[in-house]
Protein backbone atom coordinates (compact mmCIF):
# COMPACT_ATOMS: atom_id res chain seq x y z
CA MET A 1 67.23 96.30 141.50
CA ILE A 2 71.03 96.84 141.47
CA SER A 3 72.27 97.18 137.94
CA LYS A 4 73.52 94.11 136.18
CA SER A 5 76.52 95.95 135.06
CA PHE A 6 77.79 95.98 138.80
CA ASN A 7 80.05 93.34 140.17
CA LYS A 8 78.19 90.78 142.35
CA ASN A 9 80.77 91.27 145.03
CA ILE A 10 80.57 94.84 145.97
CA LEU A 11 84.20 94.74 147.27
CA LYS A 12 85.36 94.49 143.67
CA GLU A 13 83.35 97.57 142.72
CA LYS A 14 84.68 101.23 142.35
CA ILE A 15 83.73 102.93 145.46
CA GLY A 16 83.86 106.75 146.11
CA LEU A 17 83.42 108.37 149.56
CA ALA A 18 82.46 111.87 149.63
CA GLY A 19 83.03 113.97 152.74
CA CYS A 20 86.51 113.14 153.99
CA GLY A 21 86.15 114.74 157.38
CA ASN A 22 86.72 113.19 161.04
CA MET A 23 84.33 110.43 160.28
CA GLY A 24 84.65 110.02 156.39
CA LEU A 25 88.53 109.84 156.35
CA PRO A 26 88.97 107.04 158.57
CA MET A 27 86.15 105.26 156.63
CA LEU A 28 88.07 105.74 153.48
CA ASN A 29 91.40 104.57 155.07
CA ALA A 30 89.45 101.31 156.23
CA MET A 31 88.54 100.45 152.66
CA LEU A 32 91.98 101.28 151.39
CA SER A 33 93.58 99.11 154.11
CA LYS A 34 91.51 96.18 152.60
CA ASN A 35 92.70 97.10 149.20
CA ILE A 36 89.28 98.18 148.00
CA ASP A 37 89.38 100.53 144.96
CA ALA A 38 88.13 103.49 146.78
CA LYS A 39 88.64 107.28 146.09
CA GLY A 40 87.72 110.25 148.40
CA TYR A 41 86.23 113.57 147.43
CA ASP A 42 85.81 116.68 149.63
CA ILE A 43 84.53 120.21 148.91
CA GLU A 44 87.64 121.47 150.88
CA ARG A 45 91.21 120.41 150.10
CA LYS A 46 92.32 119.99 153.56
CA THR A 47 96.02 119.23 154.39
CA ALA A 48 95.21 115.78 155.87
CA LEU A 49 93.66 114.75 152.36
CA LEU A 50 97.00 115.69 150.49
CA ASN A 51 98.59 112.34 151.90
CA LEU A 52 95.88 110.34 150.08
CA GLU A 53 97.53 111.47 146.63
CA LYS A 54 95.96 109.21 143.88
CA ASP A 55 93.27 108.11 146.31
CA PHE A 56 91.77 111.57 146.60
CA VAL A 57 89.88 113.23 143.53
CA ILE A 58 89.67 117.03 143.38
CA SER A 59 86.97 117.02 140.64
CA LYS A 60 83.47 116.28 141.57
CA LYS A 61 82.58 115.19 138.05
CA LYS A 62 85.42 112.75 137.85
CA PHE A 63 84.89 111.47 141.20
CA LEU A 64 81.13 110.68 140.19
CA ASP A 65 82.19 109.38 136.88
CA ASP A 66 84.59 106.88 138.21
CA SER A 67 82.54 105.65 141.09
CA ASN A 68 79.59 103.18 140.86
CA ILE A 69 79.05 103.18 144.71
CA ILE A 70 79.06 106.39 146.37
CA ILE A 71 79.08 106.76 150.15
CA SER A 72 78.21 110.13 151.18
CA VAL A 73 79.35 111.37 154.73
CA VAL A 74 79.12 115.12 153.89
CA ARG A 75 78.04 117.46 156.77
CA ASP A 76 74.49 118.31 156.13
CA ALA A 77 71.40 118.44 153.92
CA SER A 78 72.93 121.56 151.95
CA ASP A 79 76.22 119.66 151.18
CA THR A 80 74.14 116.44 150.26
CA ALA A 81 72.00 118.49 147.89
CA GLU A 82 74.95 120.04 146.31
CA LEU A 83 76.54 116.57 145.71
CA CYS A 84 73.37 115.34 144.15
CA GLU A 85 71.72 118.30 142.57
CA GLY A 86 74.59 120.85 142.27
CA ASN A 87 76.66 121.49 139.10
CA ASN A 88 78.07 118.28 137.72
CA GLY A 89 76.08 116.61 140.53
CA LEU A 90 75.12 112.85 140.84
CA PHE A 91 71.61 113.34 139.48
CA GLU A 92 73.35 114.48 136.21
CA GLN A 93 74.87 111.02 135.78
CA ARG A 94 73.49 108.72 133.12
CA SER A 95 74.90 105.30 134.28
CA SER A 96 73.57 103.48 137.12
CA LYS A 97 74.91 104.43 140.47
CA VAL A 98 74.11 103.59 144.14
CA LEU A 99 74.18 106.41 146.67
CA ILE A 100 74.64 105.34 150.44
CA ILE A 101 73.89 108.28 152.69
CA ALA A 102 75.81 107.84 155.87
CA SER A 103 75.33 111.49 156.95
CA THR A 104 72.75 112.31 159.62
CA LEU A 105 69.85 114.06 157.78
CA SER A 106 66.17 114.74 158.37
CA PRO A 107 64.00 111.80 157.14
CA LYS A 108 61.78 114.37 155.49
CA PHE A 109 64.66 115.55 153.44
CA MET A 110 65.52 111.99 152.47
CA VAL A 111 61.92 111.49 151.15
CA ASP A 112 62.28 114.67 149.16
CA LEU A 113 65.82 113.61 147.68
CA LYS A 114 64.46 110.31 146.51
CA SER A 115 61.56 112.05 144.63
CA LYS A 116 63.90 113.98 142.69
CA ALA A 117 66.41 111.32 142.02
CA PRO A 118 66.64 109.91 138.45
CA LYS A 119 65.65 106.09 138.02
CA ASN A 120 69.30 105.23 137.33
CA ILE A 121 70.22 106.26 140.90
CA THR A 122 69.55 103.88 143.79
CA ILE A 123 69.50 105.71 147.27
CA ILE A 124 70.03 103.94 150.47
CA ASP A 125 70.06 105.47 153.90
CA ALA A 126 72.75 104.04 156.23
CA PRO A 127 73.51 106.69 158.78
CA ILE A 128 76.42 105.94 161.35
CA SER A 129 77.02 106.08 164.97
CA GLY A 130 80.11 105.66 167.08
CA ALA A 131 82.12 108.89 166.91
CA THR A 132 85.58 109.23 165.50
CA ILE A 133 87.27 106.56 167.62
CA ALA A 134 84.82 103.93 166.30
CA ALA A 135 85.51 105.12 162.68
CA ARG A 136 89.32 104.87 163.19
CA GLU A 137 88.91 101.30 164.60
CA ALA A 138 86.40 100.30 161.91
CA ARG A 139 83.64 99.50 164.45
CA LEU A 140 80.85 101.73 163.50
CA THR A 141 77.27 101.14 163.78
CA PHE A 142 75.19 101.45 160.44
CA MET A 143 71.35 101.87 160.56
CA VAL A 144 70.34 100.79 157.00
CA GLY A 145 67.07 101.67 155.39
CA CYS A 146 66.42 99.83 152.03
CA LYS A 147 65.06 96.79 150.48
CA LYS A 148 66.55 93.47 151.65
CA VAL A 149 68.09 92.57 148.42
CA PHE A 150 70.00 95.86 148.50
CA PHE A 151 70.99 95.43 152.01
CA ASN A 152 72.45 92.00 151.07
CA TYR A 153 74.51 93.60 148.48
CA ILE A 154 75.92 96.44 150.45
CA GLU A 155 76.52 94.72 153.95
CA PRO A 156 79.90 93.29 152.99
CA LEU A 157 81.20 96.89 152.22
CA LEU A 158 79.68 98.37 155.32
CA GLY A 159 81.28 95.65 157.28
CA VAL A 160 84.69 96.80 156.26
CA MET A 161 83.96 100.03 158.27
CA GLY A 162 81.62 98.89 160.86
CA ALA A 163 81.01 96.24 163.61
CA ARG A 164 77.17 96.39 163.60
CA ILE A 165 75.32 96.51 160.38
CA ASN A 166 71.62 96.82 161.26
CA HIS A 167 68.92 96.48 158.66
CA ILE A 168 65.96 98.63 160.04
CA GLY A 169 63.42 98.28 157.15
CA ASN A 170 62.60 100.20 153.96
CA TYR A 171 63.98 103.43 152.70
CA GLY A 172 63.97 106.25 155.36
CA SER A 173 63.67 103.91 158.32
CA GLY A 174 67.54 103.95 159.02
CA MET A 175 67.52 107.70 159.07
CA MET A 176 64.42 107.73 161.45
CA VAL A 177 66.15 105.52 164.00
CA LYS A 178 69.29 107.68 163.65
CA VAL A 179 67.65 110.90 164.65
CA LEU A 180 65.76 109.25 167.47
CA ASN A 181 69.10 107.83 168.72
CA ASN A 182 70.60 111.15 168.48
CA PHE A 183 67.85 112.77 170.42
CA ILE A 184 68.77 110.51 173.31
CA ALA A 185 72.59 111.21 172.70
CA ALA A 186 72.02 115.02 172.69
CA SER A 187 70.02 114.74 175.92
CA SER A 188 72.81 112.86 177.67
CA VAL A 189 75.49 115.18 176.35
CA VAL A 190 73.81 118.18 177.61
CA SER A 191 73.16 116.35 181.11
CA VAL A 192 76.63 115.03 181.46
CA ARG A 193 78.25 118.42 180.64
CA HIS A 194 75.81 120.11 183.09
CA VAL A 195 76.76 117.74 185.81
CA LEU A 196 80.49 118.19 184.98
CA HIS A 197 79.99 122.07 185.34
CA GLN A 198 78.29 121.71 188.68
CA ALA A 199 80.92 119.39 190.00
CA GLN A 200 83.64 121.62 189.07
CA LYS A 201 81.85 124.58 190.69
CA PHE A 202 81.69 122.72 193.98
CA GLU A 203 85.29 121.31 193.67
CA LEU A 204 84.30 117.67 193.73
CA ASP A 205 86.75 114.96 192.64
CA ILE A 206 85.83 114.53 189.05
CA ASP A 207 87.38 111.01 188.68
CA ALA A 208 85.50 109.96 191.76
CA LEU A 209 82.35 111.46 190.55
CA PHE A 210 82.51 109.47 187.14
CA GLU A 211 83.65 106.35 188.74
CA THR A 212 80.49 106.36 190.66
CA ILE A 213 78.26 107.49 187.83
CA ASP A 214 79.78 104.87 185.60
CA THR A 215 78.38 102.08 187.83
CA SER A 216 75.18 103.82 188.74
CA SER A 217 71.81 104.79 187.21
CA GLY A 218 73.25 107.93 185.59
CA GLN A 219 75.75 105.96 183.45
CA THR A 220 75.72 107.06 179.84
CA TRP A 221 77.73 106.39 176.69
CA PHE A 222 78.99 110.15 176.52
CA GLY A 223 80.23 110.12 180.25
CA THR A 224 81.72 106.53 180.32
CA ASN A 225 83.69 107.07 176.99
CA ARG A 226 84.83 110.62 177.99
CA ALA A 227 88.48 109.63 177.75
CA ASP A 228 88.13 108.43 174.12
CA ILE A 229 85.71 111.11 172.94
CA GLU A 230 87.92 113.87 171.29
CA TRP A 231 85.06 116.53 171.47
CA PHE A 232 84.05 115.66 175.13
CA LYS A 233 85.32 119.03 176.59
CA GLU A 234 84.74 121.30 173.61
CA LYS A 235 82.56 124.22 173.38
CA PHE A 236 79.79 124.98 170.65
CA GLU A 237 81.07 125.98 167.30
CA ASN A 238 79.05 125.79 164.13
CA ASP A 239 81.69 123.65 162.44
CA ASN A 240 82.79 121.32 165.39
CA THR A 241 81.18 118.15 166.61
CA MET A 242 79.08 120.29 169.01
CA GLY A 243 77.71 121.93 165.87
CA ILE A 244 77.04 118.73 164.27
CA LEU A 245 75.15 117.60 167.27
CA LYS A 246 72.82 120.62 167.24
CA LYS A 247 72.44 119.96 163.51
CA ASP A 248 71.29 116.42 164.28
CA MET A 249 68.80 117.80 166.77
CA GLU A 250 67.47 120.09 164.14
CA ALA A 251 66.95 117.17 162.00
CA TYR A 252 64.96 115.20 164.55
CA VAL A 253 62.75 118.31 165.09
CA ASP A 254 62.20 118.89 161.38
CA SER A 255 60.77 115.19 161.03
CA PHE A 256 59.10 114.55 164.29
CA GLU A 257 57.71 117.64 165.58
CA ASN A 258 54.76 119.62 164.30
CA GLU A 259 52.12 121.79 165.77
CA ALA A 260 50.12 118.73 166.94
CA ASP A 261 53.18 117.51 169.01
CA LEU A 262 53.95 120.67 170.96
CA ASP A 263 52.20 119.53 174.03
CA SER A 264 53.92 116.21 173.97
CA PHE A 265 56.47 115.22 176.66
CA VAL A 266 59.31 114.59 174.24
CA SER A 267 58.59 117.64 171.86
CA GLY A 268 58.59 121.45 171.78
CA GLU A 269 60.00 122.86 174.89
CA LEU A 270 62.27 119.88 175.66
CA SER A 271 63.95 119.75 172.23
CA ALA A 272 64.14 123.57 172.19
CA SER A 273 65.83 123.51 175.52
CA ILE A 274 68.56 120.85 174.30
CA ILE A 275 69.09 122.84 171.19
CA LYS A 276 69.60 126.04 173.27
CA ALA A 277 71.98 124.23 175.85
CA ILE A 278 74.17 122.91 173.05
CA ASN A 279 74.24 126.29 171.43
CA ASN A 280 75.41 127.84 174.52
CA MET A 281 77.79 125.02 175.49
CA PRO A 282 80.94 126.45 176.94
CA ALA A 283 84.37 124.61 176.99
CA THR A 284 85.29 122.76 180.13
CA LYS A 285 88.42 122.13 181.97
């Protein structure tokens, strides 16, 4: 259960957010705008973070020492492991802490991480969806996996950053739903970008194309929201959003595909084709 030393109102707690990137920084700003005692930390000192001044902590140890609730929005499993198990990491802390993982990671990794966590560390999976625009407007969707008592405790905090806070079930279930959701998202990204490429090749009117698709059976979140998605036209790079999309697909494969699944409709060759398409994604006009 949540430590008795914590405030009953989570909004009165000391909150730390690790991973102040395109998603994490607006999430931190949303908390600060509500006068929540929140601090940010990132493995990189980006120029955008300097404006945070006292609300940004350079030292990982001090960041973890001073935070009872840690929200992790770091990029991947490697960065999550470093935050938890690296030098001066979370798992070296002796006081009670709650770690809310909002990154998209393999559910198998999540199970392994929980098995390594000391008893004083409570881990909750709460991956996010909604892209940067939703983070800026504090209307993210959270998919939460934890005991109901934990969910009731953290829901008010997640509500500061999100519009839909969905309790999926016990630990790990939130991450399972997220990677399944991202399989659909990645499929639609590849499909929309392929159609856009074909339409440009044949010199179709792109606005007329999407006006039609948006009210037809080919409608997708990615296509309909193209004007608000900053990465809609970007090519694949390891460190951009297309790179993160590939990473998320690999998390799906890691947890849901094995040798017994390779002849399944949604496994094996289909996943490999989607990943290959993302990896080869060119920029578009």
